[in-house]
N, C-alpha and C. Protein backbone atom coordinates (compact mmCIF):
# COMPACT_ATOMS: atom_id res chain seq x y z
N UNK A 1 17.20 -11.89 14.39
CA UNK A 1 18.34 -12.10 13.51
C UNK A 1 19.47 -11.18 13.97
N UNK A 2 20.67 -11.71 14.15
CA UNK A 2 21.79 -10.93 14.62
C UNK A 2 22.21 -9.92 13.57
N UNK A 3 22.92 -8.86 14.05
CA UNK A 3 23.33 -7.79 13.14
C UNK A 3 24.19 -8.33 12.00
N UNK A 4 25.11 -9.24 12.33
CA UNK A 4 25.98 -9.80 11.30
C UNK A 4 25.18 -10.57 10.26
N UNK A 5 24.16 -11.29 10.74
CA UNK A 5 23.33 -12.06 9.82
C UNK A 5 22.56 -11.15 8.89
N UNK A 6 22.05 -10.03 9.43
CA UNK A 6 21.33 -9.07 8.60
C UNK A 6 22.24 -8.51 7.53
N UNK A 7 23.48 -8.19 7.91
CA UNK A 7 24.42 -7.62 6.95
C UNK A 7 24.72 -8.59 5.82
N UNK A 8 24.74 -9.89 6.14
CA UNK A 8 25.07 -10.91 5.15
C UNK A 8 23.84 -11.51 4.48
N UNK A 9 22.68 -11.00 4.80
CA UNK A 9 21.45 -11.59 4.30
C UNK A 9 21.30 -11.37 2.79
N UNK A 10 20.65 -12.34 2.17
CA UNK A 10 20.23 -12.17 0.78
C UNK A 10 19.09 -11.17 0.78
N UNK A 11 19.19 -10.15 -0.06
CA UNK A 11 18.17 -9.10 -0.05
C UNK A 11 17.29 -9.18 -1.29
N UNK A 12 16.01 -9.07 -1.06
CA UNK A 12 15.03 -9.04 -2.15
C UNK A 12 14.32 -7.70 -2.10
N UNK A 13 14.36 -6.99 -3.21
CA UNK A 13 13.69 -5.69 -3.28
C UNK A 13 12.39 -5.83 -4.06
N UNK A 14 11.32 -5.29 -3.50
CA UNK A 14 10.02 -5.31 -4.16
C UNK A 14 9.54 -3.87 -4.34
N UNK A 15 9.18 -3.53 -5.57
CA UNK A 15 8.50 -2.27 -5.85
C UNK A 15 7.01 -2.56 -5.92
N UNK A 16 6.23 -1.82 -5.15
CA UNK A 16 4.79 -2.07 -5.07
C UNK A 16 4.02 -0.80 -5.40
N UNK A 17 3.02 -0.94 -6.27
CA UNK A 17 2.14 0.18 -6.61
C UNK A 17 0.78 -0.10 -5.99
N UNK A 18 0.25 0.91 -5.31
CA UNK A 18 -0.94 0.70 -4.49
C UNK A 18 -1.72 2.00 -4.40
N UNK A 19 -3.02 1.88 -4.11
CA UNK A 19 -3.85 3.05 -3.84
C UNK A 19 -4.61 2.80 -2.55
N UNK A 20 -4.55 3.74 -1.62
CA UNK A 20 -5.27 3.58 -0.36
C UNK A 20 -6.76 3.42 -0.61
N UNK A 21 -7.27 3.98 -1.71
CA UNK A 21 -8.69 3.86 -2.05
C UNK A 21 -9.02 2.51 -2.67
N UNK A 22 -8.04 1.63 -2.77
CA UNK A 22 -8.25 0.29 -3.35
C UNK A 22 -8.30 -0.74 -2.23
N UNK A 23 -9.48 -1.27 -1.89
CA UNK A 23 -9.55 -2.24 -0.79
C UNK A 23 -8.78 -3.52 -1.07
N UNK A 24 -8.66 -3.89 -2.35
CA UNK A 24 -7.87 -5.09 -2.66
C UNK A 24 -6.38 -4.84 -2.42
N UNK A 25 -5.95 -3.58 -2.46
CA UNK A 25 -4.57 -3.27 -2.11
C UNK A 25 -4.33 -3.52 -0.62
N UNK A 26 -5.34 -3.23 0.19
CA UNK A 26 -5.29 -3.52 1.63
C UNK A 26 -5.11 -5.01 1.85
N UNK A 27 -5.90 -5.80 1.14
CA UNK A 27 -5.80 -7.26 1.25
C UNK A 27 -4.44 -7.73 0.72
N UNK A 28 -4.04 -7.19 -0.42
CA UNK A 28 -2.77 -7.61 -1.02
C UNK A 28 -1.59 -7.33 -0.12
N UNK A 29 -1.58 -6.18 0.54
CA UNK A 29 -0.47 -5.87 1.45
C UNK A 29 -0.44 -6.83 2.63
N UNK A 30 -1.61 -7.16 3.17
CA UNK A 30 -1.66 -8.10 4.30
C UNK A 30 -1.09 -9.46 3.89
N UNK A 31 -1.42 -9.91 2.69
CA UNK A 31 -0.92 -11.20 2.22
C UNK A 31 0.58 -11.14 1.94
N UNK A 32 1.03 -10.06 1.33
CA UNK A 32 2.46 -9.91 1.08
C UNK A 32 3.23 -9.87 2.38
N UNK A 33 2.74 -9.13 3.36
CA UNK A 33 3.42 -9.05 4.65
C UNK A 33 3.53 -10.42 5.30
N UNK A 34 2.47 -11.22 5.21
CA UNK A 34 2.51 -12.56 5.79
C UNK A 34 3.52 -13.43 5.06
N UNK A 35 3.55 -13.31 3.74
CA UNK A 35 4.52 -14.08 2.96
C UNK A 35 5.95 -13.70 3.33
N UNK A 36 6.18 -12.41 3.51
CA UNK A 36 7.53 -11.95 3.90
C UNK A 36 7.91 -12.52 5.26
N UNK A 37 6.98 -12.47 6.21
CA UNK A 37 7.27 -13.04 7.54
C UNK A 37 7.59 -14.52 7.42
N UNK A 38 6.81 -15.25 6.64
CA UNK A 38 7.02 -16.69 6.49
C UNK A 38 8.39 -16.98 5.89
N UNK A 39 8.73 -16.27 4.83
CA UNK A 39 10.00 -16.52 4.13
C UNK A 39 11.19 -16.15 5.01
N UNK A 40 11.11 -15.02 5.70
CA UNK A 40 12.24 -14.60 6.54
C UNK A 40 12.42 -15.54 7.73
N UNK A 41 11.33 -16.07 8.27
CA UNK A 41 11.43 -17.01 9.39
C UNK A 41 12.02 -18.34 8.95
N UNK A 42 11.73 -18.75 7.72
CA UNK A 42 12.17 -20.05 7.25
C UNK A 42 13.57 -20.02 6.66
N UNK A 43 14.19 -18.85 6.62
CA UNK A 43 15.48 -18.72 5.94
C UNK A 43 16.64 -18.64 6.93
N UNK A 44 16.51 -19.34 8.06
CA UNK A 44 17.53 -19.26 9.11
C UNK A 44 18.91 -19.66 8.60
N UNK A 45 18.98 -20.72 7.75
CA UNK A 45 20.26 -21.17 7.25
C UNK A 45 20.86 -20.22 6.23
N UNK A 46 20.01 -19.49 5.54
CA UNK A 46 20.43 -18.53 4.52
C UNK A 46 19.59 -17.28 4.71
N UNK A 47 20.02 -16.38 5.61
CA UNK A 47 19.20 -15.22 5.97
C UNK A 47 18.71 -14.45 4.76
N UNK A 48 17.44 -14.07 4.82
CA UNK A 48 16.79 -13.36 3.72
C UNK A 48 16.10 -12.12 4.27
N UNK A 49 16.32 -10.99 3.62
CA UNK A 49 15.70 -9.73 4.03
C UNK A 49 14.95 -9.15 2.84
N UNK A 50 13.66 -8.88 3.05
CA UNK A 50 12.82 -8.34 1.99
C UNK A 50 12.52 -6.87 2.28
N UNK A 51 12.76 -6.02 1.31
CA UNK A 51 12.47 -4.60 1.43
C UNK A 51 11.43 -4.22 0.38
N UNK A 52 10.42 -3.46 0.80
CA UNK A 52 9.34 -3.07 -0.11
C UNK A 52 9.29 -1.55 -0.23
N UNK A 53 9.32 -1.06 -1.45
CA UNK A 53 9.16 0.37 -1.72
C UNK A 53 7.76 0.59 -2.30
N UNK A 54 6.98 1.46 -1.66
CA UNK A 54 5.60 1.70 -2.08
C UNK A 54 5.51 2.94 -2.95
N UNK A 55 4.82 2.78 -4.08
CA UNK A 55 4.70 3.86 -5.06
C UNK A 55 3.23 4.22 -5.27
N UNK A 56 2.97 5.49 -5.61
CA UNK A 56 1.58 5.94 -5.74
C UNK A 56 0.92 5.52 -7.05
N UNK A 57 -0.36 5.22 -6.93
CA UNK A 57 -1.22 4.94 -8.08
C UNK A 57 -2.61 5.42 -7.69
N UNK A 58 -3.19 6.26 -8.52
CA UNK A 58 -4.53 6.77 -8.21
C UNK A 58 -5.53 6.20 -9.21
N UNK A 59 -6.38 5.31 -8.73
CA UNK A 59 -7.30 4.59 -9.60
C UNK A 59 -8.32 5.53 -10.24
N UNK A 60 -8.92 6.38 -9.45
CA UNK A 60 -9.99 7.25 -9.94
C UNK A 60 -9.64 8.71 -9.69
N UNK A 61 -9.09 9.34 -10.72
CA UNK A 61 -8.69 10.74 -10.58
C UNK A 61 -9.90 11.66 -10.47
N UNK A 62 -11.08 11.12 -10.77
CA UNK A 62 -12.29 11.93 -10.70
C UNK A 62 -12.96 11.95 -9.34
N UNK A 63 -12.38 11.24 -8.37
CA UNK A 63 -12.95 11.26 -7.02
C UNK A 63 -12.93 12.69 -6.47
N UNK A 64 -14.02 13.08 -5.83
CA UNK A 64 -14.09 14.42 -5.24
C UNK A 64 -12.85 14.67 -4.37
N UNK A 65 -12.21 15.82 -4.51
CA UNK A 65 -11.02 16.11 -3.70
C UNK A 65 -11.24 15.94 -2.20
N UNK A 66 -12.48 16.13 -1.74
CA UNK A 66 -12.79 15.98 -0.31
C UNK A 66 -13.16 14.55 0.05
N UNK A 67 -13.12 13.63 -0.93
CA UNK A 67 -13.57 12.27 -0.69
C UNK A 67 -15.07 12.17 -0.90
N UNK A 68 -15.57 10.93 -0.93
CA UNK A 68 -17.00 10.71 -1.16
C UNK A 68 -17.55 9.69 -0.17
N UNK A 69 -18.85 9.78 0.06
CA UNK A 69 -19.53 8.82 0.92
C UNK A 69 -19.42 7.43 0.30
N UNK A 70 -19.16 6.45 1.14
CA UNK A 70 -18.95 5.07 0.68
C UNK A 70 -20.11 4.55 -0.17
N UNK A 71 -21.34 4.64 0.35
CA UNK A 71 -22.49 4.10 -0.36
C UNK A 71 -22.78 4.89 -1.64
N UNK A 72 -22.68 6.21 -1.55
CA UNK A 72 -22.94 7.04 -2.72
C UNK A 72 -21.94 6.74 -3.84
N UNK A 73 -20.69 6.54 -3.47
CA UNK A 73 -19.66 6.25 -4.48
C UNK A 73 -19.94 4.90 -5.13
N UNK A 74 -20.27 3.89 -4.32
CA UNK A 74 -20.56 2.57 -4.86
C UNK A 74 -21.75 2.60 -5.82
N UNK A 75 -22.76 3.34 -5.45
CA UNK A 75 -23.94 3.43 -6.32
C UNK A 75 -23.59 4.14 -7.63
N UNK A 76 -22.79 5.17 -7.54
CA UNK A 76 -22.40 5.91 -8.74
C UNK A 76 -21.54 5.06 -9.67
N UNK A 77 -20.62 4.30 -9.11
CA UNK A 77 -19.69 3.52 -9.94
C UNK A 77 -20.25 2.18 -10.37
N UNK A 78 -20.92 1.47 -9.43
CA UNK A 78 -21.29 0.08 -9.70
C UNK A 78 -22.76 -0.24 -9.45
N UNK A 79 -23.53 0.73 -9.02
CA UNK A 79 -24.95 0.49 -8.79
C UNK A 79 -25.27 0.08 -7.38
N UNK A 80 -24.31 -0.52 -6.68
CA UNK A 80 -24.51 -0.93 -5.28
C UNK A 80 -23.15 -1.31 -4.70
N UNK A 81 -23.16 -1.66 -3.40
CA UNK A 81 -21.93 -2.10 -2.77
C UNK A 81 -21.88 -3.61 -2.60
N UNK A 82 -22.75 -4.33 -3.34
CA UNK A 82 -22.81 -5.78 -3.18
C UNK A 82 -21.52 -6.49 -3.51
N UNK A 83 -20.74 -5.91 -4.42
CA UNK A 83 -19.49 -6.56 -4.83
C UNK A 83 -18.50 -6.68 -3.68
N UNK A 84 -18.69 -5.92 -2.61
CA UNK A 84 -17.71 -5.94 -1.51
C UNK A 84 -17.85 -7.16 -0.61
N UNK A 85 -18.91 -7.94 -0.77
CA UNK A 85 -19.10 -9.10 0.11
C UNK A 85 -17.97 -10.12 -0.05
N UNK A 86 -17.61 -10.43 -1.30
CA UNK A 86 -16.51 -11.38 -1.51
C UNK A 86 -15.19 -10.78 -1.03
N UNK A 87 -15.03 -9.48 -1.23
CA UNK A 87 -13.84 -8.79 -0.74
C UNK A 87 -13.71 -8.92 0.76
N UNK A 88 -14.80 -8.65 1.46
CA UNK A 88 -14.77 -8.73 2.92
C UNK A 88 -14.47 -10.14 3.40
N UNK A 89 -15.01 -11.13 2.69
CA UNK A 89 -14.72 -12.52 3.05
C UNK A 89 -13.26 -12.86 2.87
N UNK A 90 -12.68 -12.39 1.77
CA UNK A 90 -11.26 -12.62 1.53
C UNK A 90 -10.41 -11.92 2.58
N UNK A 91 -10.79 -10.69 2.90
CA UNK A 91 -10.05 -9.95 3.91
C UNK A 91 -10.09 -10.61 5.27
N UNK A 92 -11.25 -11.15 5.63
CA UNK A 92 -11.40 -11.79 6.94
C UNK A 92 -10.43 -12.95 7.11
N UNK A 93 -10.16 -13.66 6.02
CA UNK A 93 -9.22 -14.79 6.10
C UNK A 93 -7.79 -14.33 6.33
N UNK A 94 -7.55 -13.05 6.16
CA UNK A 94 -6.22 -12.49 6.42
C UNK A 94 -6.22 -11.54 7.60
N UNK A 95 -7.27 -11.63 8.43
CA UNK A 95 -7.34 -10.83 9.65
C UNK A 95 -7.82 -9.41 9.46
N UNK A 96 -8.38 -9.10 8.29
CA UNK A 96 -8.88 -7.75 8.02
C UNK A 96 -10.40 -7.75 8.17
N UNK A 97 -10.90 -6.84 8.97
CA UNK A 97 -12.32 -6.87 9.31
C UNK A 97 -13.18 -5.91 8.48
N UNK A 98 -12.57 -4.91 7.87
CA UNK A 98 -13.35 -3.85 7.19
C UNK A 98 -14.46 -3.39 8.14
N UNK A 99 -14.05 -3.13 9.36
CA UNK A 99 -15.00 -2.88 10.45
C UNK A 99 -15.80 -1.60 10.27
N UNK A 100 -15.17 -0.56 9.75
CA UNK A 100 -15.85 0.74 9.68
C UNK A 100 -15.36 1.48 8.44
N UNK A 101 -15.98 1.19 7.30
CA UNK A 101 -15.56 1.73 6.01
C UNK A 101 -16.63 2.70 5.55
N UNK A 102 -16.38 3.98 5.73
CA UNK A 102 -17.41 5.00 5.49
C UNK A 102 -17.14 5.92 4.31
N UNK A 103 -15.89 5.94 3.84
CA UNK A 103 -15.52 6.94 2.83
C UNK A 103 -14.78 6.30 1.67
N UNK A 104 -14.95 6.91 0.50
CA UNK A 104 -14.10 6.58 -0.64
C UNK A 104 -13.20 7.79 -0.86
N UNK A 105 -11.95 7.71 -0.46
CA UNK A 105 -11.11 8.91 -0.43
C UNK A 105 -10.49 9.28 -1.77
N UNK A 106 -10.23 10.55 -1.92
CA UNK A 106 -9.29 11.02 -2.93
C UNK A 106 -7.91 10.91 -2.28
N UNK A 107 -7.00 10.18 -2.91
CA UNK A 107 -5.77 9.79 -2.20
C UNK A 107 -4.53 10.58 -2.60
N UNK A 108 -4.71 11.69 -3.29
CA UNK A 108 -3.55 12.48 -3.71
C UNK A 108 -2.66 12.85 -2.52
N UNK A 109 -3.24 13.40 -1.49
CA UNK A 109 -2.43 13.84 -0.35
C UNK A 109 -1.99 12.67 0.53
N UNK A 110 -2.77 11.59 0.54
CA UNK A 110 -2.35 10.39 1.25
C UNK A 110 -1.06 9.84 0.64
N UNK A 111 -0.97 9.87 -0.68
CA UNK A 111 0.26 9.42 -1.34
C UNK A 111 1.43 10.33 -1.01
N UNK A 112 1.16 11.62 -0.86
CA UNK A 112 2.23 12.53 -0.44
C UNK A 112 2.75 12.13 0.94
N UNK A 113 1.83 11.74 1.82
CA UNK A 113 2.25 11.31 3.16
C UNK A 113 3.10 10.06 3.08
N UNK A 114 2.71 9.10 2.24
CA UNK A 114 3.50 7.88 2.08
C UNK A 114 4.89 8.22 1.54
N UNK A 115 4.95 9.15 0.59
CA UNK A 115 6.25 9.56 0.05
C UNK A 115 7.13 10.17 1.15
N UNK A 116 6.54 11.01 1.98
CA UNK A 116 7.30 11.61 3.08
C UNK A 116 7.78 10.52 4.04
N UNK A 117 6.91 9.60 4.37
CA UNK A 117 7.28 8.50 5.26
C UNK A 117 8.38 7.64 4.64
N UNK A 118 8.29 7.41 3.34
CA UNK A 118 9.30 6.59 2.66
C UNK A 118 10.67 7.24 2.73
N UNK A 119 10.71 8.57 2.76
CA UNK A 119 11.99 9.27 2.80
C UNK A 119 12.74 9.03 4.10
N UNK A 120 12.03 8.56 5.14
CA UNK A 120 12.67 8.24 6.41
C UNK A 120 12.50 6.75 6.75
N UNK A 121 12.25 5.94 5.71
CA UNK A 121 12.19 4.50 5.90
C UNK A 121 10.92 3.97 6.51
N UNK A 122 9.82 4.73 6.42
CA UNK A 122 8.57 4.31 7.05
C UNK A 122 7.42 4.17 6.05
N UNK A 123 7.75 3.92 4.79
CA UNK A 123 6.70 3.77 3.78
C UNK A 123 5.72 2.66 4.08
N UNK A 124 6.19 1.44 4.39
CA UNK A 124 5.26 0.36 4.70
C UNK A 124 4.37 0.66 5.90
N UNK A 125 4.94 1.29 6.92
CA UNK A 125 4.16 1.65 8.10
C UNK A 125 3.08 2.67 7.75
N UNK A 126 3.42 3.61 6.86
CA UNK A 126 2.44 4.62 6.45
C UNK A 126 1.28 3.98 5.71
N UNK A 127 1.57 3.02 4.85
CA UNK A 127 0.50 2.30 4.16
C UNK A 127 -0.42 1.63 5.18
N UNK A 128 0.17 0.97 6.17
CA UNK A 128 -0.63 0.30 7.20
C UNK A 128 -1.53 1.27 7.94
N UNK A 129 -0.97 2.39 8.35
CA UNK A 129 -1.73 3.39 9.11
C UNK A 129 -2.89 3.92 8.28
N UNK A 130 -2.65 4.22 7.02
CA UNK A 130 -3.70 4.79 6.18
C UNK A 130 -4.77 3.76 5.84
N UNK A 131 -4.37 2.52 5.58
CA UNK A 131 -5.36 1.47 5.35
C UNK A 131 -6.24 1.28 6.59
N UNK A 132 -5.60 1.22 7.75
CA UNK A 132 -6.37 1.01 8.99
C UNK A 132 -7.34 2.14 9.23
N UNK A 133 -6.88 3.36 9.04
CA UNK A 133 -7.77 4.50 9.27
C UNK A 133 -8.93 4.52 8.27
N UNK A 134 -8.69 4.07 7.05
CA UNK A 134 -9.74 4.08 6.03
C UNK A 134 -10.76 2.96 6.24
N UNK A 135 -10.28 1.74 6.44
CA UNK A 135 -11.17 0.58 6.40
C UNK A 135 -11.60 0.06 7.77
N UNK A 136 -10.87 0.41 8.81
CA UNK A 136 -11.21 -0.10 10.15
C UNK A 136 -11.72 1.00 11.09
N UNK A 137 -11.28 2.23 10.87
CA UNK A 137 -11.64 3.32 11.78
C UNK A 137 -12.62 4.31 11.17
N UNK A 138 -13.00 4.10 9.92
CA UNK A 138 -14.01 4.94 9.29
C UNK A 138 -13.58 6.36 9.01
N UNK A 139 -12.28 6.60 8.90
CA UNK A 139 -11.79 7.96 8.69
C UNK A 139 -11.64 8.29 7.20
N UNK A 140 -11.67 9.57 6.90
CA UNK A 140 -11.55 10.05 5.53
C UNK A 140 -10.14 10.57 5.31
N UNK A 141 -9.30 9.78 4.65
CA UNK A 141 -7.90 10.17 4.48
C UNK A 141 -7.72 11.17 3.33
N UNK A 142 -8.82 11.71 2.82
CA UNK A 142 -8.73 12.88 1.93
C UNK A 142 -8.45 14.13 2.76
N UNK A 143 -8.81 14.09 4.03
CA UNK A 143 -8.71 15.25 4.92
C UNK A 143 -7.27 15.47 5.38
N UNK A 144 -6.80 16.69 5.22
CA UNK A 144 -5.45 17.00 5.69
C UNK A 144 -5.33 16.82 7.19
N UNK A 145 -6.39 17.13 7.93
CA UNK A 145 -6.34 16.97 9.39
C UNK A 145 -6.13 15.51 9.76
N UNK A 146 -6.83 14.61 9.07
CA UNK A 146 -6.66 13.18 9.33
C UNK A 146 -5.25 12.74 8.96
N UNK A 147 -4.76 13.22 7.84
CA UNK A 147 -3.42 12.85 7.40
C UNK A 147 -2.34 13.39 8.33
N UNK A 148 -2.55 14.58 8.85
CA UNK A 148 -1.59 15.14 9.82
C UNK A 148 -1.56 14.26 11.07
N UNK A 149 -2.73 13.83 11.54
CA UNK A 149 -2.78 12.91 12.69
C UNK A 149 -2.03 11.62 12.37
N UNK A 150 -2.24 11.10 11.16
CA UNK A 150 -1.55 9.87 10.76
C UNK A 150 -0.04 10.09 10.74
N UNK A 151 0.39 11.23 10.23
CA UNK A 151 1.81 11.54 10.21
C UNK A 151 2.40 11.67 11.60
N UNK A 152 1.62 12.23 12.51
CA UNK A 152 2.08 12.34 13.90
C UNK A 152 2.14 10.96 14.55
N UNK A 153 1.19 10.10 14.21
CA UNK A 153 1.24 8.71 14.70
C UNK A 153 2.52 8.03 14.25
N UNK A 154 2.95 8.35 13.04
CA UNK A 154 4.17 7.78 12.48
C UNK A 154 5.43 8.51 12.94
N UNK A 155 5.23 9.59 13.72
CA UNK A 155 6.34 10.39 14.24
C UNK A 155 7.18 10.98 13.10
N UNK A 156 6.49 11.53 12.09
CA UNK A 156 7.17 12.14 10.96
C UNK A 156 7.44 13.61 11.26
N UNK A 157 8.67 14.03 11.22
CA UNK A 157 8.99 15.43 11.52
C UNK A 157 8.45 16.37 10.45
N UNK A 158 7.90 17.50 10.87
CA UNK A 158 7.45 18.52 9.94
C UNK A 158 6.28 18.12 9.08
N UNK A 159 5.48 17.15 9.53
CA UNK A 159 4.42 16.62 8.66
C UNK A 159 3.34 17.64 8.37
N UNK A 160 2.97 18.46 9.36
CA UNK A 160 1.89 19.43 9.10
C UNK A 160 2.34 20.48 8.10
N UNK A 161 3.51 21.00 8.28
CA UNK A 161 4.03 22.01 7.35
C UNK A 161 4.11 21.43 5.94
N UNK A 162 4.57 20.19 5.84
CA UNK A 162 4.69 19.51 4.55
C UNK A 162 3.34 19.37 3.87
N UNK A 163 2.35 18.82 4.59
CA UNK A 163 1.05 18.55 3.98
C UNK A 163 0.28 19.82 3.63
N UNK A 164 0.50 20.88 4.38
CA UNK A 164 -0.22 22.13 4.11
C UNK A 164 0.50 22.98 3.05
N UNK A 165 1.57 22.44 2.50
CA UNK A 165 2.28 23.11 1.41
C UNK A 165 2.03 22.32 0.12
N UNK A 166 2.74 22.69 -0.93
CA UNK A 166 2.65 21.96 -2.20
C UNK A 166 3.80 20.96 -2.36
N UNK A 167 4.57 20.76 -1.32
CA UNK A 167 5.71 19.85 -1.40
C UNK A 167 5.25 18.44 -1.77
N UNK A 168 5.94 17.85 -2.71
CA UNK A 168 5.65 16.47 -3.09
C UNK A 168 4.46 16.30 -4.01
N UNK A 169 3.71 17.36 -4.25
CA UNK A 169 2.49 17.26 -5.05
C UNK A 169 2.80 16.89 -6.50
N UNK A 170 3.68 17.64 -7.12
CA UNK A 170 4.03 17.37 -8.52
C UNK A 170 4.69 16.00 -8.66
N UNK A 171 5.49 15.62 -7.67
CA UNK A 171 6.19 14.33 -7.73
C UNK A 171 5.20 13.17 -7.70
N UNK A 172 4.20 13.24 -6.84
CA UNK A 172 3.20 12.17 -6.76
C UNK A 172 2.42 12.07 -8.06
N UNK A 173 2.02 13.20 -8.61
CA UNK A 173 1.28 13.19 -9.88
C UNK A 173 2.13 12.59 -11.00
N UNK A 174 3.42 12.91 -11.02
CA UNK A 174 4.30 12.38 -12.05
C UNK A 174 4.50 10.88 -11.89
N UNK A 175 4.66 10.43 -10.65
CA UNK A 175 4.81 8.99 -10.41
C UNK A 175 3.57 8.23 -10.86
N UNK A 176 2.40 8.80 -10.61
CA UNK A 176 1.15 8.18 -11.04
C UNK A 176 1.10 8.10 -12.57
N UNK A 177 1.46 9.18 -13.24
CA UNK A 177 1.47 9.18 -14.71
C UNK A 177 2.46 8.16 -15.25
N UNK A 178 3.64 8.09 -14.65
CA UNK A 178 4.66 7.13 -15.10
C UNK A 178 4.17 5.70 -14.96
N UNK A 179 3.52 5.41 -13.84
CA UNK A 179 3.02 4.05 -13.62
C UNK A 179 2.02 3.66 -14.70
N UNK A 180 1.19 4.59 -15.09
CA UNK A 180 0.14 4.29 -16.06
C UNK A 180 0.63 4.33 -17.51
N UNK A 181 1.55 5.23 -17.81
CA UNK A 181 2.00 5.37 -19.20
C UNK A 181 3.28 4.59 -19.48
N UNK A 182 4.32 4.86 -18.74
CA UNK A 182 5.60 4.20 -19.01
C UNK A 182 5.57 2.73 -18.65
N UNK A 183 4.99 2.40 -17.48
CA UNK A 183 4.97 1.01 -17.03
C UNK A 183 3.72 0.26 -17.46
N UNK A 184 2.75 0.99 -17.96
CA UNK A 184 1.51 0.37 -18.46
C UNK A 184 0.78 -0.43 -17.38
N UNK A 185 0.84 0.03 -16.14
CA UNK A 185 0.10 -0.62 -15.06
C UNK A 185 -1.37 -0.23 -15.18
N UNK A 186 -2.23 -1.22 -15.27
CA UNK A 186 -3.65 -0.98 -15.49
C UNK A 186 -4.49 -1.21 -14.24
N UNK A 187 -3.94 -1.90 -13.27
CA UNK A 187 -4.68 -2.14 -12.03
C UNK A 187 -3.69 -2.37 -10.90
N UNK A 188 -4.16 -2.15 -9.70
CA UNK A 188 -3.33 -2.36 -8.51
C UNK A 188 -4.10 -3.22 -7.51
N UNK A 189 -3.36 -3.89 -6.61
CA UNK A 189 -1.92 -3.77 -6.37
C UNK A 189 -1.10 -4.42 -7.48
N UNK A 190 0.12 -3.94 -7.64
CA UNK A 190 1.02 -4.43 -8.67
C UNK A 190 2.42 -4.47 -8.06
N UNK A 191 3.12 -5.57 -8.28
CA UNK A 191 4.41 -5.78 -7.62
C UNK A 191 5.47 -6.19 -8.64
N UNK A 192 6.67 -5.67 -8.48
CA UNK A 192 7.81 -6.09 -9.28
C UNK A 192 8.93 -6.47 -8.32
N UNK A 193 9.40 -7.71 -8.41
CA UNK A 193 10.42 -8.23 -7.52
C UNK A 193 11.77 -8.24 -8.23
N UNK A 194 12.76 -7.64 -7.60
CA UNK A 194 14.13 -7.58 -8.14
C UNK A 194 14.16 -7.01 -9.56
N UNK A 195 13.22 -6.15 -9.88
CA UNK A 195 13.13 -5.56 -11.23
C UNK A 195 12.99 -6.63 -12.30
N UNK A 196 12.46 -7.78 -11.92
CA UNK A 196 12.44 -8.92 -12.84
C UNK A 196 11.06 -9.57 -12.93
N UNK A 197 10.49 -9.92 -11.78
CA UNK A 197 9.23 -10.66 -11.77
C UNK A 197 8.08 -9.74 -11.39
N UNK A 198 7.03 -9.76 -12.19
CA UNK A 198 5.86 -8.92 -11.91
C UNK A 198 4.69 -9.78 -11.46
N UNK A 199 3.97 -9.28 -10.48
CA UNK A 199 2.75 -9.92 -10.00
C UNK A 199 1.66 -8.86 -9.95
N UNK A 200 0.50 -9.18 -10.49
CA UNK A 200 -0.61 -8.24 -10.49
C UNK A 200 -1.74 -8.79 -9.63
N UNK A 201 -2.29 -7.94 -8.77
CA UNK A 201 -3.42 -8.35 -7.95
C UNK A 201 -3.04 -8.82 -6.57
N UNK A 202 -4.06 -9.04 -5.74
CA UNK A 202 -3.87 -9.50 -4.36
C UNK A 202 -3.67 -11.01 -4.37
N UNK A 203 -2.48 -11.44 -4.74
CA UNK A 203 -2.17 -12.87 -4.81
C UNK A 203 -2.28 -13.52 -3.44
N UNK A 204 -2.43 -14.85 -3.43
CA UNK A 204 -2.47 -15.53 -2.14
C UNK A 204 -1.07 -15.58 -1.53
N UNK A 205 -1.02 -15.90 -0.26
CA UNK A 205 0.26 -15.88 0.47
C UNK A 205 1.27 -16.83 -0.17
N UNK A 206 0.83 -18.01 -0.56
CA UNK A 206 1.74 -18.99 -1.15
C UNK A 206 2.37 -18.47 -2.43
N UNK A 207 1.58 -17.82 -3.26
CA UNK A 207 2.11 -17.27 -4.52
C UNK A 207 3.16 -16.20 -4.24
N UNK A 208 2.88 -15.34 -3.27
CA UNK A 208 3.87 -14.32 -2.90
C UNK A 208 5.14 -14.98 -2.37
N UNK A 209 5.01 -15.99 -1.52
CA UNK A 209 6.18 -16.67 -0.97
C UNK A 209 7.04 -17.25 -2.08
N UNK A 210 6.40 -17.95 -3.01
CA UNK A 210 7.15 -18.59 -4.09
C UNK A 210 7.85 -17.55 -4.96
N UNK A 211 7.19 -16.42 -5.18
CA UNK A 211 7.80 -15.36 -5.99
C UNK A 211 9.01 -14.77 -5.28
N UNK A 212 8.90 -14.57 -3.97
CA UNK A 212 10.02 -14.02 -3.20
C UNK A 212 11.21 -14.99 -3.22
N UNK A 213 10.93 -16.26 -3.03
CA UNK A 213 11.99 -17.27 -3.03
C UNK A 213 12.67 -17.34 -4.39
N UNK A 214 11.88 -17.22 -5.44
CA UNK A 214 12.45 -17.22 -6.79
C UNK A 214 13.30 -15.98 -7.02
N UNK A 215 12.79 -14.85 -6.58
CA UNK A 215 13.52 -13.59 -6.75
C UNK A 215 14.82 -13.59 -5.97
N UNK A 216 14.86 -14.30 -4.85
CA UNK A 216 16.06 -14.35 -4.02
C UNK A 216 17.23 -15.01 -4.75
N UNK A 217 16.92 -15.76 -5.78
CA UNK A 217 17.96 -16.43 -6.55
C UNK A 217 18.65 -15.49 -7.53
N UNK A 218 18.05 -14.30 -7.73
CA UNK A 218 18.64 -13.30 -8.64
C UNK A 218 19.49 -12.34 -7.82
N UNK A 219 20.76 -12.46 -7.86
CA UNK A 219 21.65 -11.58 -7.10
C UNK A 219 22.77 -11.06 -8.00
């Protein structure tokens, strides 16, 4: 898309609440990304640009700060990991393999990394990197060392100093509280388009596309 076309494009803003420890958020982002690609490709006559802002949500505040073993966590919460079979099947249809999922992370510091990335326009990329490291590479994103590597992969300046400090800690906790209390979000992923239309859950690609197209009419 030419620069002039981008400048004149209809813009759709999406606020998304997600938790790296939520595998359905991984699936939901993949589906949303595909819907965005589809809509932007089909909008040649009327250029459309979709921007997504990612916000923190921590599903289980009781997760060990160091993260937990995948099987042990599943047994503690649900008795087994059998429920993940349908999840893995759904993910496979969107190109997600869940190839090496070994940890259930505490995501407080992962959300801090996403916030830092968002400050330089790399929030969506940070979500991708953290999801991939968690579900495909078997890494524990509770670890500051892993997060520092992820930040370096994203080429974020000052990432080690940031993560080893308390910067952004209070802000992430407050955003999580606001999502749960002020916005009454009870599960993620959760999406609000143009501050108007809300979608809850890992919707299919078609549903996301239709919502984006509808939201594009609000200018």
